[in-house]
């Protein structure tokens, strides 16, 4: 691991932490977007705020293209798309999608009717021509993606973009942008009758993608992919937690997984997690600012069972009765990864060392959902939940002989979740990494994962 922290300015450290690169992305300091023969140069500063929004927008749009058009990635950037052939049955399904969208009262009835009529009358030859035109539109979109992302993260526009994605999802936002580009084709001279028919079929295809991606009104906020835990999830987790540190067997874990509603279990993966539990499972206590906490460490410590980020989970529970009561009052088993926990940490234990994949607390969101203030005993601790998660990681590391561990950068988080995580939440995670003592290092070999990347290095002893 090469230490680079002390030789770089804070903006340059932010660039590497968010982009995993020494080169500024288009539209940032050192790599401005130049328009109209060099007369206009636009660039953002290399700040956590702008970089977090850039990565959020970029990852959201790339994820949408992967899902909509079987996009292909080269490294971590979108390079190409594939447009599969549409069968007659596929065309009928697209028409049904638009009709359902119209019944749900979504979109303009005039445009939806035109889209339905165009697809109903489309011949195979027209569909083929529309697909070729679709490739051109997508090419225009990708060519201008840097400028589009720049505009999306401009002050005042960034929050509008985030809110649209939260409400409708990245695929809907992408389809709307593509539909907007079809208007530009009209302005560029697509005026004869045959071209207009092809254009209407293309719009029908895009409306059908929009309809398929649009949430029903009853779904509301798409919640950025956050899972809601069912009664089965909670039953399986509660059952296993009672036995997790009392001689749990692999059969009991399999029973808990089935109780959670999992019907297809990949046995080799469960075997690997069970071995990690047997070797590293931890039930311990530690103290922070006079408050005592219980630490539970296992690949099966959180909901959903058997699906850790990395391969191991740490859950921190308060022991003070007042804190326990305060968290119980906020209880929401459908949302909490571990009922009554104040802090969480996800680890990856490997031959190259110990990696802290992410830290988290569900409590701030629970307070926001309830619209209440934190109890007095919680206020101070909630401001320092990151420190509590980090102390849990240090407790684990020292118990098992790790003298240091490494923490993910924002780049690693964004590329894992593909834009699902709100940029402010990612900044909350990682704005504090340097303040908490993390030193930026570069894993060039690489040792921890298959791709060279930056991490924050922490001493296990604080």
Protein backbone atom coordinates (compact mmCIF):
# COMPACT_ATOMS: atom_id res chain seq x y z
CA UNK A 1 0.00 0.00 0.00
CA UNK A 2 1.40 3.37 -1.04
CA UNK A 3 0.70 6.26 1.34
CA UNK A 4 -0.34 9.30 -0.73
CA UNK A 5 -2.29 11.27 1.86
CA UNK A 6 0.42 13.62 3.08
CA UNK A 7 1.74 14.52 -0.38
CA UNK A 8 -1.62 15.70 -1.76
CA UNK A 9 -3.77 18.77 -1.16
CA UNK A 10 -7.30 18.23 0.13
CA UNK A 11 -8.90 18.82 -3.34
CA UNK A 12 -6.52 16.28 -4.88
CA UNK A 13 -7.32 13.76 -2.14
CA UNK A 14 -11.03 14.33 -2.79
CA UNK A 15 -10.48 13.71 -6.52
CA UNK A 16 -8.86 10.34 -5.87
CA UNK A 17 -11.37 9.35 -3.20
CA UNK A 18 -14.39 10.05 -5.41
CA UNK A 19 -13.05 9.21 -8.87
CA UNK A 20 -10.31 6.63 -8.14
CA UNK A 21 -8.23 8.66 -10.60
CA UNK A 22 -5.59 11.36 -10.77
CA UNK A 23 -7.43 13.02 -13.68
CA UNK A 24 -10.30 15.44 -13.14
CA UNK A 25 -13.59 14.41 -14.79
CA UNK A 26 -14.93 16.68 -17.56
CA UNK A 27 -16.26 19.93 -16.15
CA UNK A 28 -13.97 20.03 -13.11
CA UNK A 29 -10.94 22.10 -12.20
CA UNK A 30 -8.14 21.20 -14.58
CA UNK A 31 -10.47 19.68 -17.21
CA UNK A 32 -13.07 22.36 -18.11
CA UNK A 33 -15.91 21.90 -20.58
CA UNK A 34 -15.17 24.22 -23.49
CA UNK A 35 -18.03 25.43 -25.69
CA UNK A 36 -18.45 27.60 -28.76
CA UNK A 37 -14.91 27.65 -30.09
CA UNK A 38 -13.30 28.02 -26.71
CA UNK A 39 -15.25 31.12 -25.69
CA UNK A 40 -16.97 29.50 -22.74
CA UNK A 41 -15.11 27.42 -20.14
CA UNK A 42 -17.12 25.81 -17.38
CA UNK A 43 -15.74 23.90 -14.43
CA UNK A 44 -16.63 22.94 -10.87
CA UNK A 45 -14.19 22.99 -7.97
CA UNK A 46 -12.81 19.69 -6.71
CA UNK A 47 -14.94 19.59 -3.57
CA UNK A 48 -16.69 16.73 -1.80
CA UNK A 49 -20.01 18.42 -2.58
CA UNK A 50 -19.54 18.63 -6.37
CA UNK A 51 -17.71 15.31 -6.72
CA UNK A 52 -20.39 13.44 -4.73
CA UNK A 53 -23.10 14.82 -6.99
CA UNK A 54 -21.11 14.08 -10.13
CA UNK A 55 -20.62 10.45 -9.11
CA UNK A 56 -24.27 10.13 -8.10
CA UNK A 57 -25.54 11.46 -11.45
CA UNK A 58 -23.03 9.50 -13.51
CA UNK A 59 -23.60 6.24 -11.68
CA UNK A 60 -27.39 6.68 -11.83
CA UNK A 61 -27.41 7.22 -15.60
CA UNK A 62 -24.95 4.40 -16.26
CA UNK A 63 -27.03 2.00 -14.17
CA UNK A 64 -30.11 3.05 -16.13
CA UNK A 65 -28.42 2.29 -19.44
CA UNK A 66 -27.26 -1.10 -18.20
CA UNK A 67 -30.84 -1.98 -17.22
CA UNK A 68 -32.60 -0.43 -20.22
CA UNK A 69 -30.25 -1.25 -23.09
CA UNK A 70 -27.90 -3.95 -21.79
CA UNK A 71 -25.14 -1.39 -21.51
CA UNK A 72 -21.55 -2.59 -21.37
CA UNK A 73 -18.95 -1.20 -18.99
CA UNK A 74 -15.26 -0.76 -19.78
CA UNK A 75 -13.58 -0.52 -16.42
CA UNK A 76 -16.04 1.62 -14.51
CA UNK A 77 -17.38 3.76 -17.39
CA UNK A 78 -20.21 3.05 -19.83
CA UNK A 79 -18.84 2.47 -23.32
CA UNK A 80 -21.50 0.77 -25.42
CA UNK A 81 -25.10 -0.43 -25.52
CA UNK A 82 -26.90 -3.34 -27.14
CA UNK A 83 -30.40 -3.13 -28.61
CA UNK A 84 -31.90 -6.64 -28.69
CA UNK A 85 -34.31 -7.49 -31.52
CA UNK A 86 -37.98 -6.89 -30.66
CA UNK A 87 -40.35 -9.75 -31.50
CA UNK A 88 -44.05 -9.37 -32.22
CA UNK A 89 -44.81 -10.57 -28.73
CA UNK A 90 -42.34 -8.04 -27.33
CA UNK A 91 -44.09 -5.27 -29.26
CA UNK A 92 -47.47 -6.27 -27.82
CA UNK A 93 -45.99 -6.21 -24.33
CA UNK A 94 -44.70 -2.70 -24.93
CA UNK A 95 -48.14 -1.55 -26.03
CA UNK A 96 -49.63 -3.08 -22.86
CA UNK A 97 -47.06 -1.18 -20.77
CA UNK A 98 -48.15 2.16 -22.26
CA UNK A 99 -51.85 1.30 -21.87
CA UNK A 100 -51.27 0.47 -18.21
CA UNK A 101 -49.41 3.75 -17.78
CA UNK A 102 -52.37 5.60 -19.29
CA UNK A 103 -54.86 3.79 -17.03
CA UNK A 104 -52.80 4.83 -14.01
CA UNK A 105 -53.19 8.46 -15.03
CA UNK A 106 -49.50 8.95 -15.72
CA UNK A 107 -48.30 11.08 -18.62
CA UNK A 108 -50.15 13.03 -21.31
CA UNK A 109 -53.06 11.02 -22.84
CA UNK A 110 -52.40 12.64 -26.23
CA UNK A 111 -48.76 11.52 -26.38
CA UNK A 112 -49.58 8.09 -24.99
CA UNK A 113 -52.35 7.54 -27.55
CA UNK A 114 -49.99 8.53 -30.37
CA UNK A 115 -47.36 6.12 -29.02
CA UNK A 116 -49.90 3.27 -28.83
CA UNK A 117 -51.19 3.94 -32.37
CA UNK A 118 -47.65 4.08 -33.78
CA UNK A 119 -46.70 0.71 -32.25
CA UNK A 120 -49.99 -0.94 -33.26
CA UNK A 121 -49.42 0.05 -36.89
CA UNK A 122 -45.69 -0.64 -36.95
CA UNK A 123 -44.39 -3.21 -39.43
CA UNK A 124 -41.20 -5.20 -38.72
CA UNK A 125 -39.40 -2.95 -41.22
CA UNK A 126 -40.57 0.19 -39.38
CA UNK A 127 -39.44 -1.23 -36.05
CA UNK A 128 -36.01 -2.03 -37.53
CA UNK A 129 -35.71 1.53 -38.84
CA UNK A 130 -36.82 2.93 -35.49
CA UNK A 131 -34.21 0.83 -33.70
CA UNK A 132 -31.50 2.23 -35.95
CA UNK A 133 -32.73 5.73 -35.15
CA UNK A 134 -32.81 4.80 -31.47
CA UNK A 135 -29.12 3.93 -31.69
CA UNK A 136 -28.45 7.41 -33.12
CA UNK A 137 -30.42 9.09 -30.34
CA UNK A 138 -28.58 7.09 -27.68
CA UNK A 139 -25.29 7.98 -29.39
CA UNK A 140 -26.22 11.68 -29.19
CA UNK A 141 -27.09 11.24 -25.53
CA UNK A 142 -23.83 9.50 -24.64
CA UNK A 143 -21.81 12.02 -26.65
CA UNK A 144 -23.32 14.84 -24.59
CA UNK A 145 -23.36 12.97 -21.28
CA UNK A 146 -20.55 15.01 -19.74
CA UNK A 147 -22.38 18.27 -20.46
CA UNK A 148 -25.66 16.75 -19.27
CA UNK A 149 -24.14 15.62 -15.97
CA UNK A 150 -22.51 19.05 -15.55
CA UNK A 151 -25.90 20.74 -15.92
CA UNK A 152 -27.59 18.22 -13.61
CA UNK A 153 -25.20 19.02 -10.74
CA UNK A 154 -25.26 22.79 -11.22
CA UNK A 155 -26.38 24.71 -8.10
CA UNK A 156 -30.16 24.55 -7.85
CA UNK A 157 -30.45 21.80 -10.46
CA UNK A 158 -28.69 19.11 -8.44
CA UNK A 159 -31.48 18.77 -5.89
CA UNK A 160 -34.14 18.66 -8.63
CA UNK A 161 -32.27 15.80 -10.30
CA UNK A 162 -31.91 13.91 -7.02
CA UNK A 163 -35.61 14.35 -6.23
CA UNK A 164 -36.64 13.11 -9.70
CA UNK A 165 -34.46 10.03 -9.33
CA UNK A 166 -35.79 9.36 -5.82
CA UNK A 167 -39.40 9.62 -7.00
CA UNK A 168 -39.24 7.91 -10.39
CA UNK A 169 -35.91 6.12 -10.68
CA UNK A 170 -32.94 6.58 -13.01
CA UNK A 171 -34.52 4.67 -15.89
CA UNK A 172 -37.49 7.04 -16.07
CA UNK A 173 -35.22 10.09 -15.97
CA UNK A 174 -33.11 8.60 -18.79
CA UNK A 175 -36.14 7.80 -20.95
CA UNK A 176 -37.44 11.35 -20.55
CA UNK A 177 -34.07 12.75 -21.64
CA UNK A 178 -34.05 10.47 -24.70
CA UNK A 179 -37.60 11.51 -25.60
CA UNK A 180 -36.46 15.11 -25.38
CA UNK A 181 -33.70 14.37 -27.90
CA UNK A 182 -36.24 13.12 -30.45
CA UNK A 183 -37.55 16.68 -30.66
CA UNK A 184 -34.08 17.77 -31.74
CA UNK A 185 -34.26 15.31 -34.65
CA UNK A 186 -37.37 17.12 -35.90
CA UNK A 187 -35.51 20.40 -35.74
CA UNK A 188 -32.61 18.87 -37.65
CA UNK A 189 -34.76 18.20 -40.71
CA UNK A 190 -36.64 14.93 -40.18
CA UNK A 191 -39.74 16.28 -41.87
CA UNK A 192 -40.77 13.96 -44.70
CA UNK A 193 -43.67 11.58 -44.16
CA UNK A 194 -41.61 8.37 -43.96
CA UNK A 195 -39.19 9.85 -41.42
CA UNK A 196 -42.07 11.10 -39.29
CA UNK A 197 -43.58 7.60 -39.15
CA UNK A 198 -40.23 6.12 -38.07
CA UNK A 199 -39.87 8.88 -35.47
CA UNK A 200 -43.34 8.15 -34.06
CA UNK A 201 -42.47 4.44 -33.76
CA UNK A 202 -39.25 5.39 -31.98
CA UNK A 203 -41.20 7.57 -29.58
CA UNK A 204 -43.56 4.67 -29.00
CA UNK A 205 -40.62 2.42 -28.12
CA UNK A 206 -39.21 5.02 -25.73
CA UNK A 207 -42.62 5.59 -24.14
CA UNK A 208 -42.92 1.85 -23.64
CA UNK A 209 -39.54 1.83 -21.83
CA UNK A 210 -40.75 4.78 -19.78
CA UNK A 211 -43.97 2.97 -18.93
CA UNK A 212 -42.15 -0.20 -17.92
CA UNK A 213 -39.78 1.75 -15.67
CA UNK A 214 -42.41 4.03 -14.10
CA UNK A 215 -43.53 3.11 -10.57
CA UNK A 216 -47.23 2.79 -9.84
CA UNK A 217 -48.55 5.82 -8.00
CA UNK A 218 -49.24 3.67 -4.95
CA UNK A 219 -45.50 2.88 -4.75
CA UNK A 220 -44.60 6.55 -4.31
CA UNK A 221 -40.95 7.20 -3.53
CA UNK A 222 -38.78 4.48 -5.04
CA UNK A 223 -36.68 4.86 -1.89
CA UNK A 224 -33.44 4.39 -3.81
CA UNK A 225 -33.67 0.62 -3.71
CA UNK A 226 -33.81 0.35 0.09
CA UNK A 227 -35.21 -3.05 1.03
CA UNK A 228 -38.24 -3.25 3.33
CA UNK A 229 -37.95 -6.18 5.72
CA UNK A 230 -40.95 -8.49 5.83
CA UNK A 231 -42.38 -10.46 8.72
CA UNK A 232 -40.43 -13.47 7.42
CA UNK A 233 -37.15 -11.51 7.36
CA UNK A 234 -37.73 -10.51 10.98
CA UNK A 235 -38.71 -13.99 12.11
CA UNK A 236 -35.59 -15.55 10.62
CA UNK A 237 -33.31 -12.87 12.05
CA UNK A 238 -34.87 -12.96 15.53
CA UNK A 239 -34.68 -16.76 15.66
CA UNK A 240 -31.01 -16.85 14.66
CA UNK A 241 -29.92 -13.99 16.93
CA UNK A 242 -31.12 -15.93 19.97
CA UNK A 243 -28.74 -18.78 19.10
CA UNK A 244 -25.93 -17.05 17.16
CA UNK A 245 -23.38 -17.14 19.99
CA UNK A 246 -24.66 -20.22 21.78
CA UNK A 247 -23.30 -23.06 19.68
CA UNK A 248 -25.22 -22.31 16.51
CA UNK A 249 -25.04 -25.05 13.88
CA UNK A 250 -25.07 -24.67 10.13
CA UNK A 251 -28.42 -26.46 10.04
CA UNK A 252 -29.86 -23.79 12.33
CA UNK A 253 -28.58 -21.13 9.95
CA UNK A 254 -30.20 -22.91 7.01
CA UNK A 255 -33.45 -23.12 8.99
CA UNK A 256 -33.28 -19.38 9.72
CA UNK A 257 -32.66 -18.59 6.05
CA UNK A 258 -35.72 -20.62 5.06
CA UNK A 259 -37.72 -18.98 7.82
CA UNK A 260 -36.69 -15.64 6.25
CA UNK A 261 -38.42 -16.68 3.06
CA UNK A 262 -35.34 -17.76 1.08
CA UNK A 263 -36.28 -20.73 -1.05
CA UNK A 264 -33.12 -21.18 -3.13
CA UNK A 265 -30.02 -21.39 -0.95
CA UNK A 266 -26.55 -21.56 -2.48
CA UNK A 267 -24.94 -24.04 -0.12
CA UNK A 268 -21.23 -23.31 -0.91
CA UNK A 269 -21.75 -19.61 -0.07
CA UNK A 270 -23.48 -20.43 3.22
CA UNK A 271 -20.60 -22.83 3.99
CA UNK A 272 -18.05 -20.02 3.51
CA UNK A 273 -20.00 -17.62 5.71
CA UNK A 274 -20.44 -20.27 8.40
CA UNK A 275 -16.68 -20.88 8.45
CA UNK A 276 -16.10 -17.16 8.88
CA UNK A 277 -18.60 -17.13 11.74
CA UNK A 278 -16.85 -20.04 13.46
CA UNK A 279 -13.44 -18.37 13.14
CA UNK A 280 -14.31 -14.70 13.70
CA UNK A 281 -17.72 -14.66 15.41
CA UNK A 282 -17.52 -12.11 18.21
CA UNK A 283 -19.67 -11.19 21.20
CA UNK A 284 -17.95 -8.43 23.16
CA UNK A 285 -18.48 -5.19 25.05
CA UNK A 286 -16.75 -1.84 24.81
CA UNK A 287 -17.16 1.61 26.31
CA UNK A 288 -17.40 4.95 24.53
CA UNK A 289 -17.70 8.24 26.44
CA UNK A 290 -18.84 6.41 29.54
CA UNK A 291 -21.59 4.44 27.77
CA UNK A 292 -21.31 0.67 27.49
CA UNK A 293 -22.15 -1.19 24.28
CA UNK A 294 -22.52 -4.77 23.14
CA UNK A 295 -20.79 -5.73 19.88
CA UNK A 296 -22.10 -8.68 17.86
CA UNK A 297 -19.97 -9.77 14.93
CA UNK A 298 -21.02 -12.41 12.38
CA UNK A 299 -21.87 -12.80 8.68
CA UNK A 300 -25.43 -13.35 9.97
CA UNK A 301 -25.74 -10.38 12.34
CA UNK A 302 -28.06 -8.22 10.18
CA UNK A 303 -31.16 -8.42 8.05
CA UNK A 304 -31.47 -9.75 5.41
CA UNK A 305 -29.78 -12.89 6.69
CA UNK A 306 -26.90 -14.30 4.68
CA UNK A 307 -26.41 -11.23 2.51
CA UNK A 308 -23.60 -9.21 4.10
CA UNK A 309 -21.96 -6.30 2.30
CA UNK A 310 -18.48 -7.82 2.12
CA UNK A 311 -18.57 -11.05 4.11
CA UNK A 312 -18.93 -10.01 7.76
CA UNK A 313 -21.12 -7.66 9.82
CA UNK A 314 -20.69 -5.79 13.09
CA UNK A 315 -23.74 -4.57 15.04
CA UNK A 316 -23.52 -2.27 18.07
CA UNK A 317 -26.27 -2.25 20.71
CA UNK A 318 -26.42 0.09 23.72
CA UNK A 319 -26.56 -1.49 27.18
CA UNK A 320 -27.73 1.54 29.16
CA UNK A 321 -31.47 1.13 29.94
CA UNK A 322 -32.27 4.73 28.97
CA UNK A 323 -30.62 4.32 25.57
CA UNK A 324 -32.34 0.96 25.03
CA UNK A 325 -35.71 2.54 25.84
CA UNK A 326 -35.06 5.49 23.51
CA UNK A 327 -34.27 3.18 20.60
CA UNK A 328 -37.19 0.89 21.39
CA UNK A 329 -39.51 3.89 21.11
CA UNK A 330 -38.27 4.39 17.52
CA UNK A 331 -38.63 0.71 16.65
CA UNK A 332 -39.40 -0.13 13.00
CA UNK A 333 -38.46 -3.76 12.19
CA UNK A 334 -39.41 -3.24 8.54
CA UNK A 335 -36.60 -0.68 8.21
CA UNK A 336 -33.91 -1.54 10.75
CA UNK A 337 -31.09 -3.86 9.70
CA UNK A 338 -30.79 -4.90 13.35
CA UNK A 339 -33.59 -3.94 15.75
CA UNK A 340 -32.36 -1.64 18.52
CA UNK A 341 -28.85 -1.14 17.11
CA UNK A 342 -27.20 2.27 17.20
CA UNK A 343 -24.42 1.59 14.67
CA UNK A 344 -23.43 -0.94 12.02
CA UNK A 345 -20.25 -1.81 10.12
CA UNK A 346 -19.69 -4.09 7.14
CA UNK A 347 -16.34 -5.86 6.76
CA UNK A 348 -14.55 -7.91 4.15
CA UNK A 349 -12.07 -10.34 5.66
CA UNK A 350 -9.57 -11.59 3.08
CA UNK A 351 -5.99 -12.70 2.52
CA UNK A 352 -4.95 -9.15 1.71
CA UNK A 353 -6.20 -7.76 5.01
CA UNK A 354 -9.28 -6.33 6.68
CA UNK A 355 -11.51 -3.97 4.68
CA UNK A 356 -14.21 -1.78 6.23
CA UNK A 357 -16.73 -1.68 3.39
CA UNK A 358 -19.13 0.78 5.00
CA UNK A 359 -20.47 2.14 8.25
CA UNK A 360 -24.09 2.99 8.92
CA UNK A 361 -26.73 3.94 11.46
CA UNK A 362 -30.45 3.56 10.87
CA UNK A 363 -31.33 5.80 13.82
CA UNK A 364 -31.10 9.25 12.12
CA UNK A 365 -33.48 8.04 9.39
CA UNK A 366 -35.83 6.54 11.98
CA UNK A 367 -36.00 9.92 13.71
CA UNK A 368 -36.74 11.61 10.39
CA UNK A 369 -39.47 9.10 9.56
CA UNK A 370 -41.13 9.65 12.93
CA UNK A 371 -40.65 13.41 12.79
CA UNK A 372 -39.45 13.51 16.40
CA UNK A 373 -36.43 14.81 18.26
CA UNK A 374 -33.91 12.40 19.71
CA UNK A 375 -34.17 11.67 23.42
CA UNK A 376 -31.67 13.65 25.48
CA UNK A 377 -29.57 10.57 26.18
CA UNK A 378 -29.28 9.88 22.44
CA UNK A 379 -28.39 13.32 21.13
CA UNK A 380 -24.68 13.30 21.89
CA UNK A 381 -24.13 9.71 20.76
CA UNK A 382 -25.97 10.21 17.47
CA UNK A 383 -23.57 12.98 16.57
CA UNK A 384 -20.77 10.45 16.96
CA UNK A 385 -22.23 7.25 15.53
CA UNK A 386 -19.36 7.12 13.02
CA UNK A 387 -16.86 7.03 15.87
CA UNK A 388 -18.86 4.22 17.50
CA UNK A 389 -18.84 2.19 14.25
CA UNK A 390 -15.11 2.79 13.88
CA UNK A 391 -14.46 1.73 17.47
CA UNK A 392 -16.41 -1.47 16.77
CA UNK A 393 -14.13 -2.14 13.79
CA UNK A 394 -11.06 -1.46 15.92
CA UNK A 395 -12.35 -3.78 18.65
CA UNK A 396 -12.78 -6.54 16.10
CA UNK A 397 -9.39 -5.88 14.47
CA UNK A 398 -7.40 -5.97 17.69
CA UNK A 399 -9.23 -9.09 18.91
CA UNK A 400 -8.13 -11.00 15.81
CA UNK A 401 -4.62 -9.65 15.36
CA UNK A 402 -5.04 -7.03 12.62
CA UNK A 403 -2.74 -4.07 13.28
CA UNK A 404 -4.52 -1.97 10.66
CA UNK A 405 -7.55 -2.01 8.41
CA UNK A 406 -8.69 -0.15 5.32
CA UNK A 407 -11.94 1.70 4.62
CA UNK A 408 -13.78 2.18 1.34
CA UNK A 409 -13.71 5.50 -0.48
CA UNK A 410 -16.80 7.21 -1.95
CA UNK A 411 -15.82 5.80 -5.36
CA UNK A 412 -16.15 2.26 -4.06
CA UNK A 413 -19.53 3.01 -2.48
CA UNK A 414 -20.97 4.66 -5.61
CA UNK A 415 -19.75 1.93 -7.94
CA UNK A 416 -21.24 -0.72 -5.64
CA UNK A 417 -24.67 0.88 -5.42
CA UNK A 418 -24.74 2.41 -8.94
CA UNK A 419 -26.27 5.71 -7.85
CA UNK A 420 -28.72 4.20 -5.38
CA UNK A 421 -27.24 6.01 -2.37
CA UNK A 422 -27.99 9.70 -1.86
CA UNK A 423 -24.82 11.80 -2.34
CA UNK A 424 -25.32 13.63 0.95
CA UNK A 425 -25.35 10.29 2.74
CA UNK A 426 -22.10 9.25 1.08
CA UNK A 427 -20.54 12.58 2.00
CA UNK A 428 -21.71 12.05 5.57
CA UNK A 429 -19.89 8.71 5.56
CA UNK A 430 -16.66 9.98 4.16
CA UNK A 431 -16.31 13.65 4.99
CA UNK A 432 -15.29 12.38 8.39
CA UNK A 433 -12.74 9.81 7.24
CA UNK A 434 -9.78 12.18 7.51
CA UNK A 435 -11.14 13.71 10.71
CA UNK A 436 -11.38 10.22 12.20
CA UNK A 437 -7.74 9.54 11.37
CA UNK A 438 -7.93 7.81 7.99
CA UNK A 439 -4.92 8.20 5.68
CA UNK A 440 -5.44 7.89 1.92
CA UNK A 441 -3.43 5.03 0.40
CA UNK A 442 -3.26 3.46 -3.05
CA UNK A 443 -3.44 -0.32 -3.47
CA UNK A 444 -1.56 -0.67 -6.73
CA UNK A 445 -0.74 -4.39 -6.65
CA UNK A 446 -3.73 -4.87 -5.77
CA UNK A 447 -3.98 -6.76 -2.47
CA UNK A 448 -7.52 -6.17 -1.21
CA UNK A 449 -9.58 -6.44 -4.41
CA UNK A 450 -9.04 -7.26 -8.07
CA UNK A 451 -8.80 -3.62 -9.18
CA UNK A 452 -6.20 -1.06 -8.06
CA UNK A 453 -7.91 1.61 -6.00
CA UNK A 454 -7.64 4.06 -3.14
CA UNK A 455 -8.62 3.36 0.47
CA UNK A 456 -8.46 5.06 3.85
CA UNK A 457 -5.99 3.35 6.18
CA UNK A 458 -6.67 3.17 9.91
CA UNK A 459 -4.57 1.92 12.79
CA UNK A 460 -6.33 -0.76 14.80
CA UNK A 461 -5.05 0.81 18.01
CA UNK A 462 -6.42 4.30 17.33
